[in-house]
Amino acid sequence: MFPSVKSLDVRWYPEFEPNWDNRLFRELLLRRIDRSKRVLDYGCGRGHVEEMNFRGIAEFVAGVDPEKQPTTIHFLTKRASSNFRAARSLMEMLRSM
C-alpha cells in the first residue's frame, strides 16, 4: 500500500482494519462473478492484493497494467504486457470467447 493511502486510512478510518477497502470491493464483486463470467483487471499491478484473486471463481481472469516491469501473477489466467497493443489484443480475445 502506498504510504499516502496508508496515512489516509490511519487518519480517517482508524477503527477499520488494514485492507478493509479491498475486502469490501471483493465482496461486491463476488455478488456478480461466477463461473460464467470473464474478468479483466485493468491496472492489476504486481498482483499482490490477495483480495483480487478471482481465479477459479470466474471462467477466465486476465490482467493488464501499464507497469513496464514484467511480473508473474499467479491468480490470473492471462496477463498482457505493458503496452497498449497487448492490452487491446487481450480485450479482443476476451470478446471472442
PDB file of N, CA and C in Angstrom:
ATOM      1  N   MET A   1       0.855  -1.171   0.000  1.00  0.00           N
ATOM      2  CA  MET A   1       0.000   0.000   0.000  1.00  0.00           C
ATOM      3  C   MET A   1       0.901   1.233   0.000  1.00  0.00           C
ATOM      4  N   PHE A   2       0.542   2.229  -0.785  1.00  0.00           N
ATOM      5  CA  PHE A   2       1.308   3.457  -0.837  1.00  0.00           C
ATOM      6  C   PHE A   2       1.216   4.174   0.506  1.00  0.00           C
ATOM      7  N   PRO A   3       2.310   4.794   0.951  1.00  0.00           N
ATOM      8  CA  PRO A   3       2.276   5.487   2.253  1.00  0.00           C
ATOM      9  C   PRO A   3       1.158   6.513   2.354  1.00  0.00           C
ATOM     10  N   SER A   4       0.852   7.216   1.270  1.00  0.00           N
ATOM     11  CA  SER A   4      -0.203   8.229   1.343  1.00  0.00           C
ATOM     12  C   SER A   4      -1.569   7.600   1.608  1.00  0.00           C
ATOM     13  N   VAL A   5      -1.846   6.460   0.989  1.00  0.00           N
ATOM     14  CA  VAL A   5      -3.111   5.769   1.224  1.00  0.00           C
ATOM     15  C   VAL A   5      -3.156   5.242   2.654  1.00  0.00           C
ATOM     16  N   LYS A   6      -2.043   4.676   3.085  1.00  0.00           N
ATOM     17  CA  LYS A   6      -1.980   4.158   4.452  1.00  0.00           C
ATOM     18  C   LYS A   6      -2.203   5.274   5.470  1.00  0.00           C
ATOM     19  N   SER A   7      -1.586   6.425   5.246  1.00  0.00           N
ATOM     20  CA  SER A   7      -1.752   7.532   6.190  1.00  0.00           C
ATOM     21  C   SER A   7      -3.195   8.056   6.190  1.00  0.00           C
ATOM     22  N   LEU A   8      -3.846   8.048   5.034  1.00  0.00           N
ATOM     23  CA  LEU A   8      -5.256   8.449   4.981  1.00  0.00           C
ATOM     24  C   LEU A   8      -6.132   7.460   5.745  1.00  0.00           C
ATOM     25  N   ASP A   9      -5.841   6.169   5.574  1.00  0.00           N
ATOM     26  CA  ASP A   9      -6.596   5.155   6.320  1.00  0.00           C
ATOM     27  C   ASP A   9      -6.433   5.345   7.826  1.00  0.00           C
ATOM     28  N   VAL A  10      -5.217   5.581   8.268  1.00  0.00           N
ATOM     29  CA  VAL A  10      -4.957   5.754   9.702  1.00  0.00           C
ATOM     30  C   VAL A  10      -5.676   6.995  10.227  1.00  0.00           C
ATOM     31  N   ARG A  11      -5.637   8.053   9.429  1.00  0.00           N
ATOM     32  CA  ARG A  11      -6.249   9.308   9.882  1.00  0.00           C
ATOM     33  C   ARG A  11      -7.785   9.271   9.851  1.00  0.00           C
ATOM     34  N   TRP A  12      -8.357   8.827   8.739  1.00  0.00           N
ATOM     35  CA  TRP A  12      -9.798   8.937   8.553  1.00  0.00           C
ATOM     36  C   TRP A  12     -10.574   7.673   8.908  1.00  0.00           C
ATOM     37  N   TYR A  13      -9.901   6.523   8.926  1.00  0.00           N
ATOM     38  CA  TYR A  13     -10.590   5.261   9.208  1.00  0.00           C
ATOM     39  C   TYR A  13      -9.830   4.452  10.260  1.00  0.00           C
ATOM     40  N   PRO A  14      -9.514   5.050  11.401  1.00  0.00           N
ATOM     41  CA  PRO A  14      -8.690   4.351  12.397  1.00  0.00           C
ATOM     42  C   PRO A  14      -9.362   3.109  12.983  1.00  0.00           C
ATOM     43  N   GLU A  15     -10.673   3.049  12.944  1.00  0.00           N
ATOM     44  CA  GLU A  15     -11.379   1.906  13.523  1.00  0.00           C
ATOM     45  C   GLU A  15     -11.435   0.701  12.570  1.00  0.00           C
ATOM     46  N   PHE A  16     -11.031   0.900  11.312  1.00  0.00           N
ATOM     47  CA  PHE A  16     -11.053  -0.189  10.333  1.00  0.00           C
ATOM     48  C   PHE A  16      -9.711  -0.913  10.310  1.00  0.00           C
ATOM     49  N   GLU A  17      -9.762  -2.214  10.034  1.00  0.00           N
ATOM     50  CA  GLU A  17      -8.528  -2.991   9.937  1.00  0.00           C
ATOM     51  C   GLU A  17      -7.880  -2.770   8.571  1.00  0.00           C
ATOM     52  N   PRO A  18      -6.596  -3.090   8.432  1.00  0.00           N
ATOM     53  CA  PRO A  18      -5.907  -2.894   7.152  1.00  0.00           C
ATOM     54  C   PRO A  18      -6.606  -3.628   6.006  1.00  0.00           C
ATOM     55  N   ASN A  19      -6.544  -3.043   4.840  1.00  0.00           N
ATOM     56  CA  ASN A  19      -7.130  -3.593   3.612  1.00  0.00           C
ATOM     57  C   ASN A  19      -8.647  -3.742   3.664  1.00  0.00           C
ATOM     58  N   TRP A  20      -9.306  -2.986   4.494  1.00  0.00           N
ATOM     59  CA  TRP A  20     -10.760  -3.060   4.608  1.00  0.00           C
ATOM     60  C   TRP A  20     -11.432  -2.766   3.269  1.00  0.00           C
ATOM     61  N   ASP A  21     -10.863  -1.832   2.517  1.00  0.00           N
ATOM     62  CA  ASP A  21     -11.467  -1.455   1.246  1.00  0.00           C
ATOM     63  C   ASP A  21     -11.333  -2.563   0.205  1.00  0.00           C
ATOM     64  N   ASN A  22     -10.214  -3.286   0.208  1.00  0.00           N
ATOM     65  CA  ASN A  22     -10.044  -4.408  -0.710  1.00  0.00           C
ATOM     66  C   ASN A  22     -11.048  -5.515  -0.408  1.00  0.00           C
ATOM     67  N   ARG A  23     -11.273  -5.780   0.858  1.00  0.00           N
ATOM     68  CA  ARG A  23     -12.242  -6.814   1.245  1.00  0.00           C
ATOM     69  C   ARG A  23     -13.668  -6.407   0.850  1.00  0.00           C
ATOM     70  N   LEU A  24     -14.002  -5.142   1.064  1.00  0.00           N
ATOM     71  CA  LEU A  24     -15.323  -4.645   0.699  1.00  0.00           C
ATOM     72  C   LEU A  24     -15.537  -4.739  -0.812  1.00  0.00           C
ATOM     73  N   PHE A  25     -14.531  -4.322  -1.580  1.00  0.00           N
ATOM     74  CA  PHE A  25     -14.623  -4.383  -3.033  1.00  0.00           C
ATOM     75  C   PHE A  25     -14.770  -5.836  -3.498  1.00  0.00           C
ATOM     76  N   ARG A  26     -14.024  -6.753  -2.888  1.00  0.00           N
ATOM     77  CA  ARG A  26     -14.133  -8.175  -3.235  1.00  0.00           C
ATOM     78  C   ARG A  26     -15.548  -8.696  -2.980  1.00  0.00           C
ATOM     79  N   GLU A  27     -16.106  -8.355  -1.832  1.00  0.00           N
ATOM     80  CA  GLU A  27     -17.463  -8.798  -1.511  1.00  0.00           C
ATOM     81  C   GLU A  27     -18.469  -8.316  -2.551  1.00  0.00           C
ATOM     82  N   LEU A  28     -18.312  -7.055  -2.987  1.00  0.00           N
ATOM     83  CA  LEU A  28     -19.206  -6.512  -4.013  1.00  0.00           C
ATOM     84  C   LEU A  28     -19.044  -7.255  -5.335  1.00  0.00           C
ATOM     85  N   LEU A  29     -17.804  -7.537  -5.716  1.00  0.00           N
ATOM     86  CA  LEU A  29     -17.571  -8.250  -6.975  1.00  0.00           C
ATOM     87  C   LEU A  29     -18.061  -9.687  -6.921  1.00  0.00           C
ATOM     88  N   LEU A  30     -17.897 -10.346  -5.781  1.00  0.00           N
ATOM     89  CA  LEU A  30     -18.324 -11.738  -5.662  1.00  0.00           C
ATOM     90  C   LEU A  30     -19.830 -11.905  -5.838  1.00  0.00           C
ATOM     91  N   ARG A  31     -20.576 -10.844  -5.629  1.00  0.00           N
ATOM     92  CA  ARG A  31     -22.024 -10.887  -5.861  1.00  0.00           C
ATOM     93  C   ARG A  31     -22.355 -10.979  -7.346  1.00  0.00           C
ATOM     94  N   ARG A  32     -21.389 -10.612  -8.191  1.00  0.00           N
ATOM     95  CA  ARG A  32     -21.625 -10.561  -9.642  1.00  0.00           C
ATOM     96  C   ARG A  32     -20.811 -11.573 -10.444  1.00  0.00           C
ATOM     97  N   ILE A  33     -19.793 -12.151  -9.847  1.00  0.00           N
ATOM     98  CA  ILE A  33     -18.903 -13.057 -10.574  1.00  0.00           C
ATOM     99  C   ILE A  33     -19.267 -14.503 -10.287  1.00  0.00           C
ATOM    100  N   ASP A  34     -19.313 -15.297 -11.357  1.00  0.00           N
ATOM    101  CA  ASP A  34     -19.481 -16.744 -11.218  1.00  0.00           C
ATOM    102  C   ASP A  34     -18.701 -17.415 -12.354  1.00  0.00           C
ATOM    103  N   ARG A  35     -18.812 -18.725 -12.483  1.00  0.00           N
ATOM    104  CA  ARG A  35     -18.040 -19.481 -13.482  1.00  0.00           C
ATOM    105  C   ARG A  35     -18.396 -19.113 -14.919  1.00  0.00           C
ATOM    106  N   SER A  36     -19.470 -18.372 -15.138  1.00  0.00           N
ATOM    107  CA  SER A  36     -19.841 -17.971 -16.495  1.00  0.00           C
ATOM    108  C   SER A  36     -19.258 -16.606 -16.879  1.00  0.00           C
ATOM    109  N   LYS A  37     -18.594 -15.938 -15.960  1.00  0.00           N
ATOM    110  CA  LYS A  37     -18.088 -14.580 -16.196  1.00  0.00           C
ATOM    111  C   LYS A  37     -16.602 -14.582 -16.535  1.00  0.00           C
ATOM    112  N   ARG A  38     -16.209 -13.563 -17.316  1.00  0.00           N
ATOM    113  CA  ARG A  38     -14.804 -13.298 -17.615  1.00  0.00           C
ATOM    114  C   ARG A  38     -14.438 -11.969 -16.964  1.00  0.00           C
ATOM    115  N   VAL A  39     -13.286 -11.914 -16.324  1.00  0.00           N
ATOM    116  CA  VAL A  39     -12.868 -10.731 -15.580  1.00  0.00           C
ATOM    117  C   VAL A  39     -11.622 -10.141 -16.226  1.00  0.00           C
ATOM    118  N   LEU A  40     -11.649  -8.835 -16.477  1.00  0.00           N
ATOM    119  CA  LEU A  40     -10.480  -8.106 -16.931  1.00  0.00           C
ATOM    120  C   LEU A  40     -10.093  -7.142 -15.832  1.00  0.00           C
ATOM    121  N   ASP A  41      -8.941  -7.361 -15.245  1.00  0.00           N
ATOM    122  CA  ASP A  41      -8.429  -6.490 -14.181  1.00  0.00           C
ATOM    123  C   ASP A  41      -7.477  -5.499 -14.829  1.00  0.00           C
ATOM    124  N   TYR A  42      -8.011  -4.331 -15.155  1.00  0.00           N
ATOM    125  CA  TYR A  42      -7.189  -3.292 -15.768  1.00  0.00           C
ATOM    126  C   TYR A  42      -6.523  -2.508 -14.639  1.00  0.00           C
ATOM    127  N   GLY A  43      -5.209  -2.577 -14.601  1.00  0.00           N
ATOM    128  CA  GLY A  43      -4.466  -1.969 -13.510  1.00  0.00           C
ATOM    129  C   GLY A  43      -4.139  -3.004 -12.450  1.00  0.00           C
ATOM    130  N   CYS A  44      -3.880  -4.228 -12.888  1.00  0.00           N
ATOM    131  CA  CYS A  44      -3.668  -5.338 -11.948  1.00  0.00           C
ATOM    132  C   CYS A  44      -2.380  -5.208 -11.138  1.00  0.00           C
ATOM    133  N   GLY A  45      -1.461  -4.367 -11.595  1.00  0.00           N
ATOM    134  CA  GLY A  45      -0.219  -4.171 -10.845  1.00  0.00           C
ATOM    135  C   GLY A  45       0.579  -5.451 -10.721  1.00  0.00           C
ATOM    136  N   ARG A  46       1.221  -5.614  -9.584  1.00  0.00           N
ATOM    137  CA  ARG A  46       2.066  -6.781  -9.349  1.00  0.00           C
ATOM    138  C   ARG A  46       1.273  -7.991  -8.878  1.00  0.00           C
ATOM    139  N   GLY A  47       0.010  -7.801  -8.624  1.00  0.00           N
ATOM    140  CA  GLY A  47      -0.810  -8.920  -8.181  1.00  0.00           C
ATOM    141  C   GLY A  47      -0.611  -9.261  -6.724  1.00  0.00           C
ATOM    142  N   HIS A  48      -0.289  -8.271  -5.923  1.00  0.00           N
ATOM    143  CA  HIS A  48      -0.024  -8.526  -4.505  1.00  0.00           C
ATOM    144  C   HIS A  48      -1.258  -8.382  -3.613  1.00  0.00           C
ATOM    145  N   VAL A  49      -2.381  -7.999  -4.191  1.00  0.00           N
ATOM    146  CA  VAL A  49      -3.600  -7.840  -3.407  1.00  0.00           C
ATOM    147  C   VAL A  49      -4.404  -9.139  -3.494  1.00  0.00           C
ATOM    148  N   GLU A  50      -4.283  -9.955  -2.493  1.00  0.00           N
ATOM    149  CA  GLU A  50      -4.904 -11.281  -2.489  1.00  0.00           C
ATOM    150  C   GLU A  50      -6.429 -11.203  -2.625  1.00  0.00           C
ATOM    151  N   GLU A  51      -7.030 -10.136  -2.147  1.00  0.00           N
ATOM    152  CA  GLU A  51      -8.485  -9.989  -2.247  1.00  0.00           C
ATOM    153  C   GLU A  51      -8.964  -9.890  -3.698  1.00  0.00           C
ATOM    154  N   MET A  52      -8.057  -9.602  -4.624  1.00  0.00           N
ATOM    155  CA  MET A  52      -8.423  -9.503  -6.031  1.00  0.00           C
ATOM    156  C   MET A  52      -8.186 -10.807  -6.779  1.00  0.00           C
ATOM    157  N   ASN A  53      -7.995 -11.891  -6.068  1.00  0.00           N
ATOM    158  CA  ASN A  53      -7.782 -13.202  -6.662  1.00  0.00           C
ATOM    159  C   ASN A  53      -9.145 -13.830  -6.973  1.00  0.00           C
ATOM    160  N   PHE A  54      -9.514 -13.850  -8.253  1.00  0.00           N
ATOM    161  CA  PHE A  54     -10.788 -14.428  -8.674  1.00  0.00           C
ATOM    162  C   PHE A  54     -10.586 -15.667  -9.545  1.00  0.00           C
ATOM    163  N   ARG A  55      -9.361 -16.164  -9.584  1.00  0.00           N
ATOM    164  CA  ARG A  55      -9.082 -17.372 -10.353  1.00  0.00           C
ATOM    165  C   ARG A  55      -9.831 -18.545  -9.710  1.00  0.00           C
ATOM    166  N   GLY A  56     -10.490 -19.323 -10.560  1.00  0.00           N
ATOM    167  CA  GLY A  56     -11.280 -20.438 -10.047  1.00  0.00           C
ATOM    168  C   GLY A  56     -12.706 -20.044  -9.703  1.00  0.00           C
ATOM    169  N   ILE A  57     -12.969 -18.763  -9.635  1.00  0.00           N
ATOM    170  CA  ILE A  57     -14.315 -18.266  -9.356  1.00  0.00           C
ATOM    171  C   ILE A  57     -14.969 -17.846 -10.668  1.00  0.00           C
ATOM    172  N   ALA A  58     -14.200 -17.140 -11.509  1.00  0.00           N
ATOM    173  CA  ALA A  58     -14.668 -16.729 -12.829  1.00  0.00           C
ATOM    174  C   ALA A  58     -14.159 -17.721 -13.870  1.00  0.00           C
ATOM    175  N   GLU A  59     -14.802 -17.720 -15.021  1.00  0.00           N
ATOM    176  CA  GLU A  59     -14.375 -18.600 -16.110  1.00  0.00           C
ATOM    177  C   GLU A  59     -12.946 -18.276 -16.553  1.00  0.00           C
ATOM    178  N   PHE A  60     -12.638 -16.985 -16.643  1.00  0.00           N
ATOM    179  CA  PHE A  60     -11.354 -16.530 -17.157  1.00  0.00           C
ATOM    180  C   PHE A  60     -11.008 -15.224 -16.464  1.00  0.00           C
ATOM    181  N   VAL A  61      -9.774 -15.073 -16.027  1.00  0.00           N
ATOM    182  CA  VAL A  61      -9.326 -13.843 -15.368  1.00  0.00           C
ATOM    183  C   VAL A  61      -8.075 -13.361 -16.087  1.00  0.00           C
ATOM    184  N   ALA A  62      -8.120 -12.117 -16.566  1.00  0.00           N
ATOM    185  CA  ALA A  62      -6.984 -11.537 -17.276  1.00  0.00           C
ATOM    186  C   ALA A  62      -6.584 -10.239 -16.605  1.00  0.00           C
ATOM    187  N   GLY A  63      -5.299  -9.921 -16.671  1.00  0.00           N
ATOM    188  CA  GLY A  63      -4.806  -8.691 -16.082  1.00  0.00           C
ATOM    189  C   GLY A  63      -3.976  -7.893 -17.058  1.00  0.00           C
ATOM    190  N   VAL A  64      -4.172  -6.587 -17.042  1.00  0.00           N
ATOM    191  CA  VAL A  64      -3.414  -5.655 -17.872  1.00  0.00           C
ATOM    192  C   VAL A  64      -2.980  -4.523 -16.967  1.00  0.00           C
ATOM    193  N   ASP A  65      -1.728  -4.103 -17.138  1.00  0.00           N
ATOM    194  CA  ASP A  65      -1.241  -2.986 -16.331  1.00  0.00           C
ATOM    195  C   ASP A  65      -0.229  -2.185 -17.131  1.00  0.00           C
ATOM    196  N   PRO A  66      -0.242  -0.862 -17.009  1.00  0.00           N
ATOM    197  CA  PRO A  66       0.726  -0.044 -17.731  1.00  0.00           C
ATOM    198  C   PRO A  66       2.148  -0.153 -17.158  1.00  0.00           C
ATOM    199  N   GLU A  67       2.301  -0.848 -16.059  1.00  0.00           N
ATOM    200  CA  GLU A  67       3.609  -1.041 -15.441  1.00  0.00           C
ATOM    201  C   GLU A  67       4.552  -1.705 -16.441  1.00  0.00           C
ATOM    202  N   LYS A  68       5.780  -1.208 -16.530  1.00  0.00           N
ATOM    203  CA  LYS A  68       6.707  -1.734 -17.518  1.00  0.00           C
ATOM    204  C   LYS A  68       7.434  -2.983 -17.055  1.00  0.00           C
ATOM    205  N   GLN A  69       7.542  -3.190 -15.782  1.00  0.00           N
ATOM    206  CA  GLN A  69       8.267  -4.348 -15.264  1.00  0.00           C
ATOM    207  C   GLN A  69       7.408  -5.596 -15.405  1.00  0.00           C
ATOM    208  N   PRO A  70       7.873  -6.604 -16.161  1.00  0.00           N
ATOM    209  CA  PRO A  70       7.074  -7.818 -16.289  1.00  0.00           C
ATOM    210  C   PRO A  70       7.037  -8.575 -14.969  1.00  0.00           C
ATOM    211  N   THR A  71       5.891  -9.120 -14.653  1.00  0.00           N
ATOM    212  CA  THR A  71       5.739  -9.862 -13.408  1.00  0.00           C
ATOM    213  C   THR A  71       4.912 -11.103 -13.652  1.00  0.00           C
ATOM    214  N   THR A  72       4.921 -11.984 -12.719  1.00  0.00           N
ATOM    215  CA  THR A  72       4.080 -13.173 -12.769  1.00  0.00           C
ATOM    216  C   THR A  72       3.014 -13.026 -11.700  1.00  0.00           C
ATOM    217  N   ILE A  73       1.790 -13.141 -12.103  1.00  0.00           N
ATOM    218  CA  ILE A  73       0.681 -13.038 -11.174  1.00  0.00           C
ATOM    219  C   ILE A  73      -0.027 -14.381 -11.185  1.00  0.00           C
ATOM    220  N   HIS A  74       0.069 -15.107 -10.115  1.00  0.00           N
ATOM    221  CA  HIS A  74      -0.418 -16.475 -10.077  1.00  0.00           C
ATOM    222  C   HIS A  74      -1.929 -16.592 -10.146  1.00  0.00           C
ATOM    223  N   PHE A  75      -2.664 -15.546  -9.774  1.00  0.00           N
ATOM    224  CA  PHE A  75      -4.109 -15.720  -9.789  1.00  0.00           C
ATOM    225  C   PHE A  75      -4.774 -15.203 -11.057  1.00  0.00           C
ATOM    226  N   LEU A  76      -3.989 -14.927 -12.087  1.00  0.00           N
ATOM    227  CA  LEU A  76      -4.553 -14.566 -13.378  1.00  0.00           C
ATOM    228  C   LEU A  76      -4.452 -15.751 -14.323  1.00  0.00           C
ATOM    229  N   THR A  77      -5.433 -15.896 -15.197  1.00  0.00           N
ATOM    230  CA  THR A  77      -5.346 -16.889 -16.251  1.00  0.00           C
ATOM    231  C   THR A  77      -4.398 -16.379 -17.333  1.00  0.00           C
ATOM    232  N   LYS A  78      -4.410 -15.078 -17.564  1.00  0.00           N
ATOM    233  CA  LYS A  78      -3.587 -14.464 -18.608  1.00  0.00           C
ATOM    234  C   LYS A  78      -3.202 -13.065 -18.178  1.00  0.00           C
ATOM    235  N   ARG A  79      -1.958 -12.659 -18.453  1.00  0.00           N
ATOM    236  CA  ARG A  79      -1.512 -11.299 -18.165  1.00  0.00           C
ATOM    237  C   ARG A  79      -0.894 -10.718 -19.412  1.00  0.00           C
ATOM    238  N   ALA A  80      -1.344  -9.562 -19.832  1.00  0.00           N
ATOM    239  CA  ALA A  80      -0.792  -8.892 -21.004  1.00  0.00           C
ATOM    240  C   ALA A  80       0.404  -8.059 -20.592  1.00  0.00           C
ATOM    241  N   SER A  81       1.272  -7.812 -21.536  1.00  0.00           N
ATOM    242  CA  SER A  81       2.424  -6.962 -21.247  1.00  0.00           C
ATOM    243  C   SER A  81       1.984  -5.516 -21.128  1.00  0.00           C
ATOM    244  N   SER A  82       2.940  -4.639 -20.950  1.00  0.00           N
ATOM    245  CA  SER A  82       2.623  -3.273 -20.557  1.00  0.00           C
ATOM    246  C   SER A  82       2.215  -2.366 -21.703  1.00  0.00           C
ATOM    247  N   ASN A  83       2.190  -2.826 -22.927  1.00  0.00           N
ATOM    248  CA  ASN A  83       1.864  -1.887 -23.993  1.00  0.00           C
ATOM    249  C   ASN A  83       0.402  -1.962 -24.413  1.00  0.00           C
ATOM    250  N   PHE A  84      -0.051  -0.923 -25.059  1.00  0.00           N
ATOM    251  CA  PHE A  84      -1.455  -0.789 -25.442  1.00  0.00           C
ATOM    252  C   PHE A  84      -1.865  -1.883 -26.425  1.00  0.00           C
ATOM    253  N   ARG A  85      -0.984  -2.223 -27.355  1.00  0.00           N
ATOM    254  CA  ARG A  85      -1.313  -3.240 -28.359  1.00  0.00           C
ATOM    255  C   ARG A  85      -1.627  -4.578 -27.691  1.00  0.00           C
ATOM    256  N   ALA A  86      -0.830  -4.948 -26.701  1.00  0.00           N
ATOM    257  CA  ALA A  86      -1.071  -6.209 -25.993  1.00  0.00           C
ATOM    258  C   ALA A  86      -2.395  -6.155 -25.235  1.00  0.00           C
ATOM    259  N   ALA A  87      -2.676  -5.033 -24.603  1.00  0.00           N
ATOM    260  CA  ALA A  87      -3.937  -4.885 -23.865  1.00  0.00           C
ATOM    261  C   ALA A  87      -5.118  -4.984 -24.816  1.00  0.00           C
ATOM    262  N   ARG A  88      -5.011  -4.358 -25.964  1.00  0.00           N
ATOM    263  CA  ARG A  88      -6.094  -4.405 -26.950  1.00  0.00           C
ATOM    264  C   ARG A  88      -6.306  -5.829 -27.465  1.00  0.00           C
ATOM    265  N   SER A  89      -5.219  -6.534 -27.734  1.00  0.00           N
ATOM    266  CA  SER A  89      -5.321  -7.933 -28.180  1.00  0.00           C
ATOM    267  C   SER A  89      -6.010  -8.793 -27.133  1.00  0.00           C
ATOM    268  N   LEU A  90      -5.681  -8.562 -25.884  1.00  0.00           N
ATOM    269  CA  LEU A  90      -6.289  -9.330 -24.795  1.00  0.00           C
ATOM    270  C   LEU A  90      -7.775  -9.044 -24.718  1.00  0.00           C
ATOM    271  N   MET A  91      -8.165  -7.786 -24.856  1.00  0.00           N
ATOM    272  CA  MET A  91      -9.588  -7.426 -24.813  1.00  0.00           C
ATOM    273  C   MET A  91     -10.335  -8.068 -25.982  1.00  0.00           C
ATOM    274  N   GLU A  92      -9.718  -8.103 -27.174  1.00  0.00           N
ATOM    275  CA  GLU A  92     -10.353  -8.745 -28.318  1.00  0.00           C
ATOM    276  C   GLU A  92     -10.507 -10.245 -28.101  1.00  0.00           C
ATOM    277  N   MET A  93      -9.492 -10.858 -27.476  1.00  0.00           N
ATOM    278  CA  MET A  93      -9.566 -12.283 -27.186  1.00  0.00           C
ATOM    279  C   MET A  93     -10.715 -12.571 -26.210  1.00  0.00           C
ATOM    280  N   LEU A  94     -10.868 -11.721 -25.199  1.00  0.00           N
ATOM    281  CA  LEU A  94     -11.950 -11.904 -24.229  1.00  0.00           C
ATOM    282  C   LEU A  94     -13.319 -11.791 -24.913  1.00  0.00           C
ATOM    283  N   ARG A  95     -13.468 -10.840 -25.839  1.00  0.00           N
ATOM    284  CA  ARG A  95     -14.733 -10.675 -26.536  1.00  0.00           C
ATOM    285  C   ARG A  95     -15.089 -11.901 -27.368  1.00  0.00           C
ATOM    286  N   SER A  96     -14.070 -12.550 -27.940  1.00  0.00           N
ATOM    287  CA  SER A  96     -14.325 -13.672 -28.831  1.00  0.00           C
ATOM    288  C   SER A  96     -14.608 -14.977 -28.108  1.00  0.00           C
ATOM    289  N   MET A  97     -14.405 -15.009 -26.803  1.00  0.00           N
ATOM    290  CA  MET A  97     -14.607 -16.251 -26.043  1.00  0.00           C
ATOM    291  C   MET A  97     -16.080 -16.560 -25.866  1.00  0.00           C
TER     292      MET A  97
END
